[in-house]
PDB file of N, CA and C in Angstrom:
ATOM      1  N   MET A   1       0.748  -1.216   0.102  1.00  0.00           N
ATOM      2  CA  MET A   1      -0.005  -0.024   0.000  1.00  0.00           C
ATOM      3  C   MET A   1       0.832   1.492  -0.005  1.00  0.00           C
ATOM      4  N   PRO A   2       2.303   1.266   0.242  1.00  0.00           N
ATOM      5  CA  PRO A   2       2.750   2.543   0.156  1.00  0.00           C
ATOM      6  C   PRO A   2       2.524   3.247  -1.035  1.00  0.00           C
ATOM      7  N   ASN A   3       2.513   2.512  -2.692  1.00  0.00           N
ATOM      8  CA  ASN A   3       2.208   3.479  -3.456  1.00  0.00           C
ATOM      9  C   ASN A   3       1.088   4.309  -3.418  1.00  0.00           C
ATOM     10  N   LEU A   4      -0.103   3.388  -3.006  1.00  0.00           N
ATOM     11  CA  LEU A   4      -1.417   4.021  -2.495  1.00  0.00           C
ATOM     12  C   LEU A   4      -0.938   5.766  -1.893  1.00  0.00           C
ATOM     13  N   THR A   5      -0.190   5.462  -0.654  1.00  0.00           N
ATOM     14  CA  THR A   5      -0.132   6.141   0.113  1.00  0.00           C
ATOM     15  C   THR A   5       0.507   7.908  -0.336  1.00  0.00           C
ATOM     16  N   ARG A   6       1.474   7.538  -1.227  1.00  0.00           N
ATOM     17  CA  ARG A   6       2.113   8.326  -1.526  1.00  0.00           C
ATOM     18  C   ARG A   6       1.063   8.958  -2.995  1.00  0.00           C
ATOM     19  N   ARG A   7       0.687   8.249  -3.733  1.00  0.00           N
ATOM     20  CA  ARG A   7      -0.195   8.753  -4.461  1.00  0.00           C
ATOM     21  C   ARG A   7      -1.491  10.075  -3.461  1.00  0.00           C
ATOM     22  N   ALA A   8      -1.983   9.579  -2.636  1.00  0.00           N
ATOM     23  CA  ALA A   8      -2.906  10.028  -1.599  1.00  0.00           C
ATOM     24  C   ALA A   8      -2.271  11.423  -1.516  1.00  0.00           C
ATOM     25  N   GLN A   9      -0.727  11.491  -1.174  1.00  0.00           N
ATOM     26  CA  GLN A   9      -0.512  12.682  -0.593  1.00  0.00           C
ATOM     27  C   GLN A   9      -0.571  13.731  -1.995  1.00  0.00           C
ATOM     28  N   GLN A  10      -0.437  13.539  -2.764  1.00  0.00           N
ATOM     29  CA  GLN A  10      -0.346  14.493  -3.926  1.00  0.00           C
ATOM     30  C   GLN A  10      -2.079  15.452  -3.786  1.00  0.00           C
ATOM     31  N   TYR A  11      -2.719  14.919  -3.015  1.00  0.00           N
ATOM     32  CA  TYR A  11      -3.899  15.568  -3.035  1.00  0.00           C
ATOM     33  C   TYR A  11      -4.346  16.149  -1.878  1.00  0.00           C
ATOM     34  N   ILE A  12      -3.474  16.411  -1.254  1.00  0.00           N
ATOM     35  CA  ILE A  12      -3.503  17.304   0.231  1.00  0.00           C
ATOM     36  C   ILE A  12      -3.575  18.895  -0.458  1.00  0.00           C
ATOM     37  N   GLY A  13      -4.367  19.158   0.546  1.00  0.00           N
ATOM     38  CA  GLY A  13      -4.663  20.782  -0.320  1.00  0.00           C
ATOM     39  C   GLY A  13      -5.772  20.916  -1.374  1.00  0.00           C
ATOM     40  N   ARG A  14      -6.345  19.699  -1.838  1.00  0.00           N
ATOM     41  CA  ARG A  14      -7.527  19.961  -3.212  1.00  0.00           C
ATOM     42  C   ARG A  14      -8.681  19.877  -2.481  1.00  0.00           C
ATOM     43  N   THR A  15      -9.575  20.383  -3.080  1.00  0.00           N
ATOM     44  CA  THR A  15     -10.972  20.437  -2.890  1.00  0.00           C
ATOM     45  C   THR A  15     -11.839  19.293  -3.403  1.00  0.00           C
ATOM     46  N   PHE A  16     -12.827  18.777  -2.790  1.00  0.00           N
ATOM     47  CA  PHE A  16     -13.835  17.648  -3.407  1.00  0.00           C
ATOM     48  C   PHE A  16     -15.166  17.917  -2.990  1.00  0.00           C
ATOM     49  N   ASN A  17     -15.864  17.230  -3.778  1.00  0.00           N
ATOM     50  CA  ASN A  17     -17.509  17.286  -2.946  1.00  0.00           C
ATOM     51  C   ASN A  17     -17.837  15.758  -2.598  1.00  0.00           C
ATOM     52  N   LEU A  18     -18.481  15.647  -1.514  1.00  0.00           N
ATOM     53  CA  LEU A  18     -19.139  14.445  -0.776  1.00  0.00           C
ATOM     54  C   LEU A  18     -19.845  13.800  -1.788  1.00  0.00           C
ATOM     55  N   ILE A  19     -19.634  12.597  -2.076  1.00  0.00           N
ATOM     56  CA  ILE A  19     -20.377  11.719  -2.961  1.00  0.00           C
ATOM     57  C   ILE A  19     -21.261  11.028  -1.899  1.00  0.00           C
ATOM     58  N   GLU A  20     -20.825  10.569  -0.523  1.00  0.00           N
ATOM     59  CA  GLU A  20     -21.638  10.126   0.336  1.00  0.00           C
ATOM     60  C   GLU A  20     -21.624  10.905   1.758  1.00  0.00           C
ATOM     61  N   PRO A  21     -22.190  11.033   2.351  1.00  0.00           N
ATOM     62  CA  PRO A  21     -22.338  12.037   3.782  1.00  0.00           C
ATOM     63  C   PRO A  21     -21.436  11.428   4.562  1.00  0.00           C
ATOM     64  N   ILE A  22     -20.868  12.123   5.046  1.00  0.00           N
ATOM     65  CA  ILE A  22     -19.736  11.882   6.581  1.00  0.00           C
ATOM     66  C   ILE A  22     -20.535  11.481   7.636  1.00  0.00           C
ATOM     67  N   VAL A  23     -20.934  10.018   7.973  1.00  0.00           N
ATOM     68  CA  VAL A  23     -21.618   9.769   8.890  1.00  0.00           C
ATOM     69  C   VAL A  23     -20.873   9.011   9.874  1.00  0.00           C
ATOM     70  N   ASN A  24     -20.987   9.112  11.449  1.00  0.00           N
ATOM     71  CA  ASN A  24     -19.992   8.505  12.144  1.00  0.00           C
ATOM     72  C   ASN A  24     -18.523   8.532  11.922  1.00  0.00           C
ATOM     73  N   GLY A  25     -18.081  10.044  11.156  1.00  0.00           N
ATOM     74  CA  GLY A  25     -16.521  10.128  11.179  1.00  0.00           C
ATOM     75  C   GLY A  25     -16.504   9.497   9.803  1.00  0.00           C
ATOM     76  N   THR A  26     -16.817   8.564   8.692  1.00  0.00           N
ATOM     77  CA  THR A  26     -16.505   8.401   7.412  1.00  0.00           C
ATOM     78  C   THR A  26     -17.409   8.769   6.508  1.00  0.00           C
ATOM     79  N   GLY A  27     -17.173   9.048   5.215  1.00  0.00           N
ATOM     80  CA  GLY A  27     -17.830   9.229   4.041  1.00  0.00           C
ATOM     81  C   GLY A  27     -16.799   8.806   2.409  1.00  0.00           C
ATOM     82  N   LYS A  28     -17.273   9.506   1.345  1.00  0.00           N
ATOM     83  CA  LYS A  28     -16.598   9.154   0.350  1.00  0.00           C
ATOM     84  C   LYS A  28     -17.002  10.255  -0.272  1.00  0.00           C
ATOM     85  N   ILE A  29     -15.490   9.890  -1.061  1.00  0.00           N
ATOM     86  CA  ILE A  29     -15.360  11.684  -2.142  1.00  0.00           C
ATOM     87  C   ILE A  29     -15.031  10.943  -3.773  1.00  0.00           C
ATOM     88  N   HIS A  30     -15.292  11.542  -4.562  1.00  0.00           N
ATOM     89  CA  HIS A  30     -14.732  11.051  -6.226  1.00  0.00           C
ATOM     90  C   HIS A  30     -13.495  11.728  -6.424  1.00  0.00           C
ATOM     91  N   VAL A  31     -12.532  11.239  -6.476  1.00  0.00           N
ATOM     92  CA  VAL A  31     -11.591  11.808  -7.280  1.00  0.00           C
ATOM     93  C   VAL A  31     -10.765  11.076  -8.440  1.00  0.00           C
ATOM     94  N   ASP A  32     -10.774  12.375  -9.502  1.00  0.00           N
ATOM     95  CA  ASP A  32     -10.717  11.480 -10.775  1.00  0.00           C
ATOM     96  C   ASP A  32     -11.568  10.444 -11.049  1.00  0.00           C
ATOM     97  N   ASP A  33     -10.816   9.105 -11.130  1.00  0.00           N
ATOM     98  CA  ASP A  33     -11.542   7.918 -11.780  1.00  0.00           C
ATOM     99  C   ASP A  33     -12.058   6.947 -10.548  1.00  0.00           C
ATOM    100  N   SER A  34     -11.458   7.446  -9.477  1.00  0.00           N
ATOM    101  CA  SER A  34     -11.936   6.515  -8.011  1.00  0.00           C
ATOM    102  C   SER A  34     -12.335   7.366  -7.138  1.00  0.00           C
ATOM    103  N   THR A  35     -13.281   6.250  -6.212  1.00  0.00           N
ATOM    104  CA  THR A  35     -13.730   6.568  -4.765  1.00  0.00           C
ATOM    105  C   THR A  35     -12.932   6.481  -3.777  1.00  0.00           C
ATOM    106  N   TRP A  36     -12.683   7.701  -2.877  1.00  0.00           N
ATOM    107  CA  TRP A  36     -12.135   7.521  -1.678  1.00  0.00           C
ATOM    108  C   TRP A  36     -12.648   7.711  -0.506  1.00  0.00           C
ATOM    109  N   ARG A  37     -12.497   6.666   0.523  1.00  0.00           N
ATOM    110  CA  ARG A  37     -13.130   7.098   1.933  1.00  0.00           C
ATOM    111  C   ARG A  37     -12.370   8.313   2.006  1.00  0.00           C
ATOM    112  N   VAL A  38     -13.263   8.723   2.928  1.00  0.00           N
ATOM    113  CA  VAL A  38     -12.445  10.213   3.902  1.00  0.00           C
ATOM    114  C   VAL A  38     -13.105   9.689   5.530  1.00  0.00           C
ATOM    115  N   LYS A  39     -12.365  10.628   6.515  1.00  0.00           N
ATOM    116  CA  LYS A  39     -12.713  10.442   7.921  1.00  0.00           C
ATOM    117  C   LYS A  39     -12.558  12.172   8.089  1.00  0.00           C
ATOM    118  N   GLY A  40     -13.778  12.434   8.795  1.00  0.00           N
ATOM    119  CA  GLY A  40     -13.948  13.932   9.189  1.00  0.00           C
ATOM    120  C   GLY A  40     -14.931  14.473  10.067  1.00  0.00           C
ATOM    121  N   PRO A  41     -15.435  15.094  10.041  1.00  0.00           N
ATOM    122  CA  PRO A  41     -16.971  15.492  11.015  1.00  0.00           C
ATOM    123  C   PRO A  41     -17.876  15.162  10.192  1.00  0.00           C
ATOM    124  N   ASP A  42     -18.885  14.873  10.690  1.00  0.00           N
ATOM    125  CA  ASP A  42     -19.916  14.430  10.029  1.00  0.00           C
ATOM    126  C   ASP A  42     -20.640  16.005   9.176  1.00  0.00           C
ATOM    127  N   LEU A  43     -20.796  15.544   7.757  1.00  0.00           N
ATOM    128  CA  LEU A  43     -21.276  16.450   6.865  1.00  0.00           C
ATOM    129  C   LEU A  43     -22.324  16.125   6.187  1.00  0.00           C
ATOM    130  N   PRO A  44     -23.158  16.640   5.263  1.00  0.00           N
ATOM    131  CA  PRO A  44     -24.295  16.226   4.232  1.00  0.00           C
ATOM    132  C   PRO A  44     -23.265  16.011   3.002  1.00  0.00           C
ATOM    133  N   ALA A  45     -23.779  14.972   1.884  1.00  0.00           N
ATOM    134  CA  ALA A  45     -23.501  14.853   0.841  1.00  0.00           C
ATOM    135  C   ALA A  45     -23.443  16.110  -0.024  1.00  0.00           C
ATOM    136  N   GLY A  46     -22.354  16.222  -0.777  1.00  0.00           N
ATOM    137  CA  GLY A  46     -22.856  17.544  -1.617  1.00  0.00           C
ATOM    138  C   GLY A  46     -21.664  18.706  -0.931  1.00  0.00           C
ATOM    139  N   THR A  47     -21.453  18.772   0.319  1.00  0.00           N
ATOM    140  CA  THR A  47     -20.299  19.573   1.093  1.00  0.00           C
ATOM    141  C   THR A  47     -19.095  19.494   0.344  1.00  0.00           C
ATOM    142  N   HIS A  48     -18.355  20.765   0.329  1.00  0.00           N
ATOM    143  CA  HIS A  48     -16.890  20.711  -0.445  1.00  0.00           C
ATOM    144  C   HIS A  48     -16.249  20.536   0.683  1.00  0.00           C
ATOM    145  N   VAL A  49     -15.110  19.760   0.629  1.00  0.00           N
ATOM    146  CA  VAL A  49     -14.054  19.457   1.676  1.00  0.00           C
ATOM    147  C   VAL A  49     -12.959  19.549   0.960  1.00  0.00           C
ATOM    148  N   ARG A  50     -12.070  19.773   1.886  1.00  0.00           N
ATOM    149  CA  ARG A  50     -10.685  19.788   1.608  1.00  0.00           C
ATOM    150  C   ARG A  50     -10.010  18.959   2.348  1.00  0.00           C
ATOM    151  N   VAL A  51      -9.130  18.200   1.566  1.00  0.00           N
ATOM    152  CA  VAL A  51      -7.945  17.174   2.087  1.00  0.00           C
ATOM    153  C   VAL A  51      -6.799  17.750   2.707  1.00  0.00           C
ATOM    154  N   THR A  52      -7.301  17.522   3.809  1.00  0.00           N
ATOM    155  CA  THR A  52      -5.791  18.170   4.834  1.00  0.00           C
ATOM    156  C   THR A  52      -4.746  17.125   5.596  1.00  0.00           C
ATOM    157  N   GLY A  53      -5.299  15.737   5.064  1.00  0.00           N
ATOM    158  CA  GLY A  53      -3.994  14.700   5.459  1.00  0.00           C
ATOM    159  C   GLY A  53      -4.412  13.261   5.135  1.00  0.00           C
ATOM    160  N   VAL A  54      -3.214  12.354   5.062  1.00  0.00           N
ATOM    161  CA  VAL A  54      -4.004  11.132   4.632  1.00  0.00           C
ATOM    162  C   VAL A  54      -3.690  10.087   5.887  1.00  0.00           C
ATOM    163  N   ASP A  55      -4.716   8.910   6.185  1.00  0.00           N
ATOM    164  CA  ASP A  55      -4.346   8.294   6.958  1.00  0.00           C
ATOM    165  C   ASP A  55      -4.157   6.540   6.041  1.00  0.00           C
ATOM    166  N   GLY A  56      -3.022   6.358   5.838  1.00  0.00           N
ATOM    167  CA  GLY A  56      -3.340   4.737   5.134  1.00  0.00           C
ATOM    168  C   GLY A  56      -3.497   5.256   3.611  1.00  0.00           C
ATOM    169  N   VAL A  57      -4.937   4.622   3.287  1.00  0.00           N
ATOM    170  CA  VAL A  57      -5.604   5.020   2.186  1.00  0.00           C
ATOM    171  C   VAL A  57      -6.976   5.749   2.598  1.00  0.00           C
ATOM    172  N   VAL A  58      -6.842   6.300   3.460  1.00  0.00           N
ATOM    173  CA  VAL A  58      -8.235   7.232   3.802  1.00  0.00           C
ATOM    174  C   VAL A  58      -7.502   8.596   4.021  1.00  0.00           C
ATOM    175  N   PHE A  59      -8.563   9.700   3.326  1.00  0.00           N
ATOM    176  CA  PHE A  59      -8.170  11.351   3.318  1.00  0.00           C
ATOM    177  C   PHE A  59      -8.765  11.200   4.704  1.00  0.00           C
ATOM    178  N   ILE A  60      -7.940  12.708   5.397  1.00  0.00           N
ATOM    179  CA  ILE A  60      -8.409  13.281   6.483  1.00  0.00           C
ATOM    180  C   ILE A  60      -9.272  14.713   5.571  1.00  0.00           C
ATOM    181  N   VAL A  61     -10.352  14.840   5.869  1.00  0.00           N
ATOM    182  CA  VAL A  61     -10.818  15.885   5.347  1.00  0.00           C
ATOM    183  C   VAL A  61     -11.467  16.920   6.191  1.00  0.00           C
ATOM    184  N   ALA A  62     -11.691  18.211   5.615  1.00  0.00           N
ATOM    185  CA  ALA A  62     -12.397  19.254   6.634  1.00  0.00           C
ATOM    186  C   ALA A  62     -13.306  19.807   5.699  1.00  0.00           C
ATOM    187  N   PRO A  63     -14.336  20.516   6.539  1.00  0.00           N
ATOM    188  CA  PRO A  63     -15.012  21.354   5.667  1.00  0.00           C
ATOM    189  C   PRO A  63     -14.015  22.570   5.038  1.00  0.00           C
ATOM    190  N   GLU A  64     -14.736  22.902   3.832  1.00  0.00           N
ATOM    191  CA  GLU A  64     -13.403  23.964   2.866  1.00  0.00           C
ATOM    192  C   GLU A  64     -13.411  25.284   3.390  1.00  0.00           C
ATOM    193  N   GLU A  65     -14.165  25.808   4.087  1.00  0.00           N
ATOM    194  CA  GLU A  65     -14.427  27.337   5.114  1.00  0.00           C
ATOM    195  C   GLU A  65     -13.522  26.943   6.275  1.00  0.00           C
ATOM    196  N   ALA A  66     -13.351  25.886   6.883  1.00  0.00           N
ATOM    197  CA  ALA A  66     -12.696  25.387   8.222  1.00  0.00           C
ATOM    198  C   ALA A  66     -11.262  24.818   7.677  1.00  0.00           C
ATOM    199  N   ALA A  67     -10.939  24.816   6.576  1.00  0.00           N
ATOM    200  CA  ALA A  67      -9.515  24.104   6.557  1.00  0.00           C
ATOM    201  C   ALA A  67      -8.752  25.468   6.025  1.00  0.00           C
ATOM    202  N   HIS A  68      -9.216  26.605   6.126  1.00  0.00           N
ATOM    203  CA  HIS A  68      -7.876  27.368   5.637  1.00  0.00           C
ATOM    204  C   HIS A  68      -7.327  27.865   6.706  1.00  0.00           C
TER     205      HIS A  68
END
Protein backbone atom coordinates (compact mmCIF):
# COMPACT_ATOMS: atom_id res chain seq x y z
CA MET A 1 0.00 0.00 0.00
CA PRO A 2 2.91 2.46 0.15
CA ASN A 3 2.29 3.42 -3.50
CA LEU A 4 -1.33 4.31 -2.73
CA THR A 5 -0.22 6.40 0.23
CA ARG A 6 2.24 8.33 -1.95
CA ARG A 7 -0.46 8.81 -4.57
CA ALA A 8 -2.83 10.10 -1.90
CA GLN A 9 -0.30 12.69 -0.68
CA GLN A 10 -0.65 14.63 -3.94
CA TYR A 11 -4.28 15.42 -3.08
CA ILE A 12 -3.54 17.26 0.19
CA GLY A 13 -4.88 20.80 -0.12
CA ARG A 14 -7.31 19.96 -2.94
CA THR A 15 -11.07 20.39 -2.61
CA PHE A 16 -13.70 17.81 -3.52
CA ASN A 17 -17.45 17.27 -3.04
CA LEU A 18 -18.69 14.54 -0.76
CA ILE A 19 -20.54 11.92 -2.81
CA GLU A 20 -21.67 10.19 0.38
CA PRO A 21 -22.27 12.03 3.65
CA ILE A 22 -19.74 11.73 6.45
CA VAL A 23 -21.63 9.77 9.11
CA ASN A 24 -19.96 8.63 12.32
CA GLY A 25 -16.71 10.10 10.98
CA THR A 26 -16.53 8.35 7.58
CA GLY A 27 -17.78 9.13 4.08
CA LYS A 28 -16.66 9.12 0.43
CA ILE A 29 -15.44 11.49 -2.27
CA HIS A 30 -14.91 10.99 -6.00
CA VAL A 31 -11.34 11.75 -7.12
CA ASP A 32 -10.61 11.55 -10.83
CA ASP A 33 -11.74 8.01 -11.72
CA SER A 34 -11.71 6.60 -8.17
CA THR A 35 -13.80 6.71 -5.02
CA TRP A 36 -11.88 7.36 -1.79
CA ARG A 37 -12.96 6.92 1.81
CA VAL A 38 -12.65 9.99 3.99
CA LYS A 39 -12.55 10.69 7.71
CA GLY A 40 -13.78 13.93 9.21
CA PRO A 41 -16.65 15.66 10.97
CA ASP A 42 -20.16 14.52 10.05
CA LEU A 43 -21.26 16.48 6.96
CA PRO A 44 -24.00 16.10 4.33
CA ALA A 45 -23.37 14.79 0.81
CA GLY A 46 -22.45 17.59 -1.59
CA THR A 47 -20.38 19.51 0.97
CA HIS A 48 -17.10 20.92 -0.35
CA VAL A 49 -14.26 19.43 1.70
CA ARG A 50 -10.52 20.01 1.61
CA VAL A 51 -8.07 17.14 2.04
CA THR A 52 -5.89 18.01 5.04
CA GLY A 53 -4.04 14.72 5.46
CA VAL A 54 -3.84 11.03 4.69
CA ASP A 55 -4.19 8.05 7.04
CA GLY A 56 -3.09 5.00 5.05
CA VAL A 57 -5.48 5.02 2.08
CA VAL A 58 -8.11 7.24 3.76
CA PHE A 59 -8.19 11.01 3.30
CA ILE A 60 -8.60 13.26 6.32
CA VAL A 61 -10.93 16.11 5.36
CA ALA A 62 -12.40 19.30 6.77
CA PRO A 63 -15.18 21.52 5.46
CA GLU A 64 -13.61 23.85 2.90
CA GLU A 65 -14.31 27.04 4.86
CA ALA A 66 -12.84 25.54 8.04
CA ALA A 67 -9.71 24.17 6.36
CA HIS A 68 -8.01 27.53 5.70
